[in-house]
Structures are given as C-alpha cells and as structure tokens.
C-alpha atoms as a PDB file:
ATOM      1  CA  MET A   1      30.312  34.343  -5.771  1.00  0.00           C
ATOM      2  CA  MET A   2      26.705  35.161  -6.578  1.00  0.00           C
ATOM      3  CA  LYS A   3      24.520  32.143  -7.639  1.00  0.00           C
ATOM      4  CA  ARG A   4      22.634  32.172 -10.894  1.00  0.00           C
ATOM      5  CA  SER A   5      19.234  32.168  -9.223  1.00  0.00           C
ATOM      6  CA  THR A   6      20.035  35.271  -7.375  1.00  0.00           C
ATOM      7  CA  VAL A   7      21.061  37.028 -10.702  1.00  0.00           C
ATOM      8  CA  ALA A   8      17.782  35.731 -12.216  1.00  0.00           C
ATOM      9  CA  ILE A   9      15.712  37.227  -9.501  1.00  0.00           C
ATOM     10  CA  PHE A  10      17.512  40.429  -9.772  1.00  0.00           C
ATOM     11  CA  ILE A  11      16.909  40.633 -13.318  1.00  0.00           C
ATOM     12  CA  VAL A  12      13.109  39.649 -12.980  1.00  0.00           C
ATOM     13  CA  MET A  13      12.915  42.424 -10.182  1.00  0.00           C
ATOM     14  CA  PHE A  14      14.519  45.039 -12.391  1.00  0.00           C
ATOM     15  CA  VAL A  15      12.381  44.271 -15.504  1.00  0.00           C
ATOM     16  CA  PHE A  16       9.359  44.340 -13.332  1.00  0.00           C
ATOM     17  CA  TRP A  17      10.515  47.783 -12.121  1.00  0.00           C
ATOM     18  CA  VAL A  18      11.048  48.904 -15.598  1.00  0.00           C
ATOM     19  CA  LEU A  19       7.543  47.805 -16.588  1.00  0.00           C
ATOM     20  CA  LEU A  20       5.988  49.432 -13.812  1.00  0.00           C
ATOM     21  CA  SER A  21       7.878  52.558 -14.418  1.00  0.00           C
ATOM     22  CA  ALA A  22       6.658  52.445 -18.038  1.00  0.00           C
ATOM     23  CA  CYS A  23       3.026  52.091 -16.841  1.00  0.00           C
ATOM     24  CA  ILE A  24       3.147  54.915 -14.635  1.00  0.00           C
ATOM     25  CA  ASN A  25       4.344  57.389 -17.248  1.00  0.00           C
ATOM     26  CA  PRO A  26       3.865  55.803 -20.634  1.00  0.00           C
ATOM     27  CA  LEU A  27       4.230  59.085 -22.411  1.00  0.00           C
ATOM     28  CA  LYS A  28       7.615  59.973 -21.332  1.00  0.00           C
ATOM     29  CA  GLY A  29       9.100  56.730 -22.513  1.00  0.00           C
ATOM     30  CA  HIS A  30      12.783  57.496 -21.540  1.00  0.00           C
ATOM     31  CA  TYR A  31      14.914  56.622 -18.757  1.00  0.00           C
ATOM     32  CA  ASP A  32      17.672  58.739 -17.404  1.00  0.00           C
ATOM     33  CA  HIS A  33      20.758  57.541 -15.671  1.00  0.00           C
ATOM     34  CA  ILE A  34      19.375  58.352 -12.450  1.00  0.00           C
ATOM     35  CA  ARG A  35      16.075  56.529 -12.773  1.00  0.00           C
ATOM     36  CA  ILE A  36      18.142  53.223 -14.070  1.00  0.00           C
ATOM     37  CA  VAL A  37      20.347  53.358 -10.997  1.00  0.00           C
ATOM     38  CA  VAL A  38      17.441  53.861  -8.650  1.00  0.00           C
ATOM     39  CA  GLY A  39      15.715  50.763 -10.216  1.00  0.00           C
ATOM     40  CA  MET A  40      18.910  48.657  -9.758  1.00  0.00           C
ATOM     41  CA  ILE A  41      18.978  49.665  -6.153  1.00  0.00           C
ATOM     42  CA  CYS A  42      15.536  48.718  -5.760  1.00  0.00           C
ATOM     43  CA  ALA A  43      15.760  45.458  -7.571  1.00  0.00           C
ATOM     44  CA  ALA A  44      18.857  44.616  -5.328  1.00  0.00           C
ATOM     45  CA  ILE A  45      17.100  45.526  -2.201  1.00  0.00           C
ATOM     46  CA  ALA A  46      14.040  43.468  -3.360  1.00  0.00           C
ATOM     47  CA  THR A  47      16.313  40.608  -4.168  1.00  0.00           C
ATOM     48  CA  SER A  48      18.177  40.581  -1.007  1.00  0.00           C
ATOM     49  CA  VAL A  49      14.952  40.580   0.931  1.00  0.00           C
ATOM     50  CA  SER A  50      13.000  38.242  -0.986  1.00  0.00           C
ATOM     51  CA  ARG A  51      15.801  35.500  -1.973  1.00  0.00           C
ATOM     52  CA  ASP A  52      15.117  33.391   1.014  1.00  0.00           C
ATOM     53  CA  LEU A  53      11.615  33.380   0.253  1.00  0.00           C
ATOM     54  CA  LEU A  54      11.886  32.648  -3.434  1.00  0.00           C
ATOM     55  CA  ILE A  55      14.686  30.106  -3.429  1.00  0.00           C
ATOM     56  CA  THR A  56      14.404  27.090  -1.036  1.00  0.00           C
ATOM     57  CA  GLY A  57      16.454  23.757  -1.216  1.00  0.00           C
ATOM     58  CA  LYS A  58      16.778  22.633  -4.797  1.00  0.00           C
ATOM     59  CA  GLU A  59      18.107  25.712  -6.472  1.00  0.00           C
ATOM     60  CA  ASP A  60      18.671  23.824  -9.694  1.00  0.00           C
ATOM     61  CA  MET A  61      14.953  23.251 -10.248  1.00  0.00           C
ATOM     62  CA  THR A  62      14.139  27.001  -9.559  1.00  0.00           C
ATOM     63  CA  LEU A  63      14.252  28.048 -13.463  1.00  0.00           C
ATOM     64  CA  ARG A  64      12.239  24.966 -14.337  1.00  0.00           C
ATOM     65  CA  LYS A  65       9.558  25.784 -11.813  1.00  0.00           C
ATOM     66  CA  THR A  66       9.572  29.478 -12.747  1.00  0.00           C
ATOM     67  CA  LEU A  67       8.872  28.529 -16.323  1.00  0.00           C
ATOM     68  CA  ARG A  68       6.137  25.940 -15.496  1.00  0.00           C
ATOM     69  CA  LEU A  69       4.631  28.791 -13.246  1.00  0.00           C
ATOM     70  CA  LEU A  70       4.702  31.137 -16.176  1.00  0.00           C
ATOM     71  CA  LEU A  71       2.797  28.460 -18.486  1.00  0.00           C
ATOM     72  CA  TYR A  72       0.166  27.798 -15.707  1.00  0.00           C
ATOM     73  CA  ILE A  73      -0.709  31.516 -15.223  1.00  0.00           C
ATOM     74  CA  PRO A  74      -2.291  31.595 -18.839  1.00  0.00           C
ATOM     75  CA  TRP A  75      -4.292  28.491 -17.938  1.00  0.00           C
ATOM     76  CA  GLU A  76      -5.507  30.132 -14.621  1.00  0.00           C
ATOM     77  CA  LEU A  77      -6.642  33.397 -16.408  1.00  0.00           C
ATOM     78  CA  TRP A  78      -8.708  31.286 -18.887  1.00  0.00           C
ATOM     79  CA  GLN A  79     -10.243  29.445 -15.923  1.00  0.00           C
ATOM     80  CA  ILE A  80     -11.036  32.718 -14.446  1.00  0.00           C
ATOM     81  CA  VAL A  81     -12.741  33.903 -17.536  1.00  0.00           C
ATOM     82  CA  LEU A  82     -14.846  30.696 -17.836  1.00  0.00           C
ATOM     83  CA  ALA A  83     -15.867  30.954 -14.329  1.00  0.00           C
ATOM     84  CA  ASN A  84     -16.738  34.749 -14.595  1.00  0.00           C
ATOM     85  CA  PHE A  85     -19.094  33.597 -17.571  1.00  0.00           C
ATOM     86  CA  ASP A  86     -20.514  30.738 -15.312  1.00  0.00           C
ATOM     87  CA  VAL A  87     -21.250  32.952 -12.275  1.00  0.00           C
ATOM     88  CA  ALA A  88     -22.828  35.747 -14.564  1.00  0.00           C
ATOM     89  CA  TYR A  89     -25.213  33.188 -15.986  1.00  0.00           C
ATOM     90  CA  ARG A  90     -26.126  31.936 -12.698  1.00  0.00           C
ATOM     91  CA  VAL A  91     -26.641  35.389 -11.380  1.00  0.00           C
ATOM     92  CA  LEU A  92     -28.677  36.538 -14.415  1.00  0.00           C
ATOM     93  CA  HIS A  93     -30.810  33.303 -14.849  1.00  0.00           C
ATOM     94  CA  PRO A  94     -34.179  33.797 -13.573  1.00  0.00           C
ATOM     95  CA  LYS A  95     -34.115  31.088 -11.176  1.00  0.00           C
ATOM     96  CA  MET A  96     -30.590  31.713  -9.911  1.00  0.00           C
ATOM     97  CA  PRO A  97     -29.390  28.188 -10.155  1.00  0.00           C
ATOM     98  CA  ILE A  98     -26.846  28.142  -7.391  1.00  0.00           C
ATOM     99  CA  ASP A  99     -26.362  25.373  -4.943  1.00  0.00           C
ATOM    100  CA  PRO A 100     -23.800  26.768  -2.671  1.00  0.00           C
ATOM    101  CA  ARG A 101     -21.595  24.322  -0.537  1.00  0.00           C
ATOM    102  CA  ILE A 102     -18.798  23.819   1.496  1.00  0.00           C
ATOM    103  CA  ILE A 103     -16.149  21.135   0.179  1.00  0.00           C
ATOM    104  CA  GLU A 104     -13.421  19.465   2.012  1.00  0.00           C
ATOM    105  CA  PHE A 105     -10.503  17.742   0.054  1.00  0.00           C
ATOM    106  CA  ASP A 106      -6.996  16.424   0.536  1.00  0.00           C
ATOM    107  CA  THR A 107      -4.126  16.978  -1.797  1.00  0.00           C
ATOM    108  CA  THR A 108      -0.598  15.709  -1.792  1.00  0.00           C
ATOM    109  CA  LEU A 109       0.829  19.210  -2.152  1.00  0.00           C
ATOM    110  CA  ARG A 110       3.116  20.251   0.642  1.00  0.00           C
ATOM    111  CA  SER A 111       5.369  22.981  -0.065  1.00  0.00           C
ATOM    112  CA  ASP A 112       4.356  26.357   1.088  1.00  0.00           C
ATOM    113  CA  PHE A 113       4.439  27.697  -2.650  1.00  0.00           C
ATOM    114  CA  ALA A 114       2.382  24.961  -4.004  1.00  0.00           C
ATOM    115  CA  LEU A 115      -0.334  25.220  -1.313  1.00  0.00           C
ATOM    116  CA  THR A 116      -0.415  29.104  -1.608  1.00  0.00           C
ATOM    117  CA  THR A 117      -0.559  28.844  -5.433  1.00  0.00           C
ATOM    118  CA  LEU A 118      -3.570  26.450  -5.220  1.00  0.00           C
ATOM    119  CA  ALA A 119      -5.248  28.343  -2.455  1.00  0.00           C
ATOM    120  CA  ASN A 120      -4.848  31.629  -4.449  1.00  0.00           C
ATOM    121  CA  SER A 121      -5.966  29.906  -7.622  1.00  0.00           C
ATOM    122  CA  ILE A 122      -9.126  28.781  -6.068  1.00  0.00           C
ATOM    123  CA  THR A 123      -9.723  31.952  -4.497  1.00  0.00           C
ATOM    124  CA  LEU A 124      -9.318  34.052  -7.743  1.00  0.00           C
ATOM    125  CA  THR A 125     -11.689  31.799  -9.829  1.00  0.00           C
ATOM    126  CA  PRO A 126     -15.124  33.329  -9.316  1.00  0.00           C
ATOM    127  CA  GLY A 127     -17.683  30.858  -7.574  1.00  0.00           C
ATOM    128  CA  THR A 128     -15.093  29.590  -5.236  1.00  0.00           C
ATOM    129  CA  ILE A 129     -13.139  30.743  -2.268  1.00  0.00           C
ATOM    130  CA  THR A 130     -10.620  29.001  -0.080  1.00  0.00           C
ATOM    131  CA  ILE A 131     -11.837  29.127   3.569  1.00  0.00           C
ATOM    132  CA  ASP A 132      -9.057  27.312   5.323  1.00  0.00           C
ATOM    133  CA  VAL A 133      -5.795  25.244   4.489  1.00  0.00           C
ATOM    134  CA  GLU A 134      -4.148  22.796   6.816  1.00  0.00           C
ATOM    135  CA  PRO A 135      -0.560  22.449   5.407  1.00  0.00           C
ATOM    136  CA  GLU A 136       0.593  19.388   7.445  1.00  0.00           C
ATOM    137  CA  ARG A 137      -2.483  17.361   5.967  1.00  0.00           C
ATOM    138  CA  GLY A 138      -2.806  19.213   2.663  1.00  0.00           C
ATOM    139  CA  ARG A 139      -6.451  19.679   3.603  1.00  0.00           C
ATOM    140  CA  PHE A 140      -8.476  22.349   1.886  1.00  0.00           C
ATOM    141  CA  LEU A 141     -11.746  23.871   3.020  1.00  0.00           C
ATOM    142  CA  VAL A 142     -13.574  25.543   0.157  1.00  0.00           C
ATOM    143  CA  HIS A 143     -16.984  27.284  -0.498  1.00  0.00           C
ATOM    144  CA  ALA A 144     -18.276  26.764  -4.153  1.00  0.00           C
ATOM    145  CA  ILE A 145     -21.187  28.563  -5.572  1.00  0.00           C
ATOM    146  CA  ALA A 146     -22.575  25.374  -7.413  1.00  0.00           C
ATOM    147  CA  SER A 147     -21.885  21.657  -7.639  1.00  0.00           C
ATOM    148  CA  LYS A 148     -19.936  22.340 -11.228  1.00  0.00           C
ATOM    149  CA  ALA A 149     -17.201  24.399  -9.337  1.00  0.00           C
ATOM    150  CA  ALA A 150     -17.057  21.889  -6.290  1.00  0.00           C
ATOM    151  CA  ASP A 151     -16.747  18.897  -8.703  1.00  0.00           C
ATOM    152  CA  ALA A 152     -13.909  20.559 -10.482  1.00  0.00           C
ATOM    153  CA  LEU A 153     -11.997  20.429  -7.213  1.00  0.00           C
ATOM    154  CA  LEU A 154     -13.236  17.298  -6.081  1.00  0.00           C
ATOM    155  CA  VAL A 155     -13.557  14.972  -9.165  1.00  0.00           C
ATOM    156  CA  ASP A 156     -11.394  16.331 -12.018  1.00  0.00           C
ATOM    157  CA  GLN A 157      -8.704  17.812  -9.603  1.00  0.00           C
ATOM    158  CA  THR A 158      -7.224  19.634 -12.898  1.00  0.00           C
ATOM    159  CA  MET A 159      -6.071  22.538 -10.863  1.00  0.00           C
ATOM    160  CA  GLN A 160      -4.294  20.460  -8.058  1.00  0.00           C
ATOM    161  CA  LYS A 161      -2.635  18.469 -10.812  1.00  0.00           C
ATOM    162  CA  LYS A 162      -1.478  21.464 -12.683  1.00  0.00           C
ATOM    163  CA  VAL A 163      -0.054  23.065  -9.495  1.00  0.00           C
ATOM    164  CA  ALA A 164       1.523  19.798  -8.657  1.00  0.00           C
ATOM    165  CA  HIS A 165       3.215  19.793 -12.055  1.00  0.00           C
ATOM    166  CA  VAL A 166       4.507  23.414 -11.426  1.00  0.00           C
ATOM    167  CA  TYR A 167       6.146  22.675  -8.368  1.00  0.00           C
ATOM    168  CA  MET A 168       7.230  19.002  -9.293  1.00  0.00           C
ATOM    169  CA  GLU A 169       5.196  17.370  -6.544  1.00  0.00           C
ATOM    170  CA  GLU A 170       3.848  13.934  -7.000  1.00  0.00           C
ATOM    171  CA  GLY A 171       0.089  13.602  -7.955  1.00  0.00           C
ATOM    172  CA  GLY A 172      -1.776  16.902  -6.692  1.00  0.00           C
ATOM    173  CA  GLY A 173      -4.882  15.148  -5.476  1.00  0.00           C
ATOM    174  CA  GLU A 174      -5.761  12.178  -3.448  1.00  0.00           C
END
C-alpha cells in the first residue's frame, strides 16, 4: 500500500510539472491526454527517485515540515530583498562602507535538510556566503560583507531559529 507521503510527493511533482509546462508555452493553455500521461509518468519517476531523499524517519511530520518550509520561503525572500538594498547602498556609497570578515558559529541543527537549508539561505542572501559546514559539529564558516550581516548570524540568530523551527530541531543557535 502506498503511503500518504508518497502520494503527496507525487502530487507536488505533478503540479510542479504542470506549472513548468504552463511557463514553457503559456499561450497554448491546454493539455492533451498524452501530455498529462507524460507528466504523470515523469512525476512518478521523480517521486520514486527522490522519495528516500525527501522522506526520512518521522513520516508523520513531513507535511508539517513542508508547510513550515512554505512559510519560511517568503521570509527568506524578504531577507534577500532587504540584503540587496543593503549591498546596493554599500556599493553606491562614495566611501563604500564595507567591512568584510569571515565568521564562524555553531548551531544545534544536525539534520541534512536543516543544515542545507541554512547554508543555502545564507548564500542566497546578498552580502553573505557559506564557505564551509561541518555537519558533525553544526559549525558554519561564513564570509560577510559587513558587520551588520555578520551580527545577524552571530547575535540575532533569527535565520538559524527559523530553520530550526521548520525542521523541528531544538534551538537553532548556541
């Protein structure tokens, strides 16, 4: 019997395929039977290949984590917008107020998805880039363009706490 999480992954993959298909040819706007079947086959293959990557251990928490991640994404996008303005200000300012530094911090995050999400979130946010991650210790090495970006990771730890909330891991920072 197929588990609910597998069905959920299949539906997400199929909807993603439909959305990509609509983006490729938005003027056509219709789907014939063959395209729908091909989409279902592609979604089934993607589901079977990625199931072990997406679902690990506590299957009952998968939906909750997915919903929390969907709520995290708009927050991260907003952080990217704010950081873009900050970097643009620094570049356009006559004195170029940059203070580059490499920081190191530990986090209580341990799952692969949580560590990857945090590393990608840091790198996607302009002004910071993840240099290295030690998964065993939860240690991050990050380059920051200025002390404001570094302090956000070292002092506030908002991003770590939000990622910890998404993946239901305690704390997020140390």
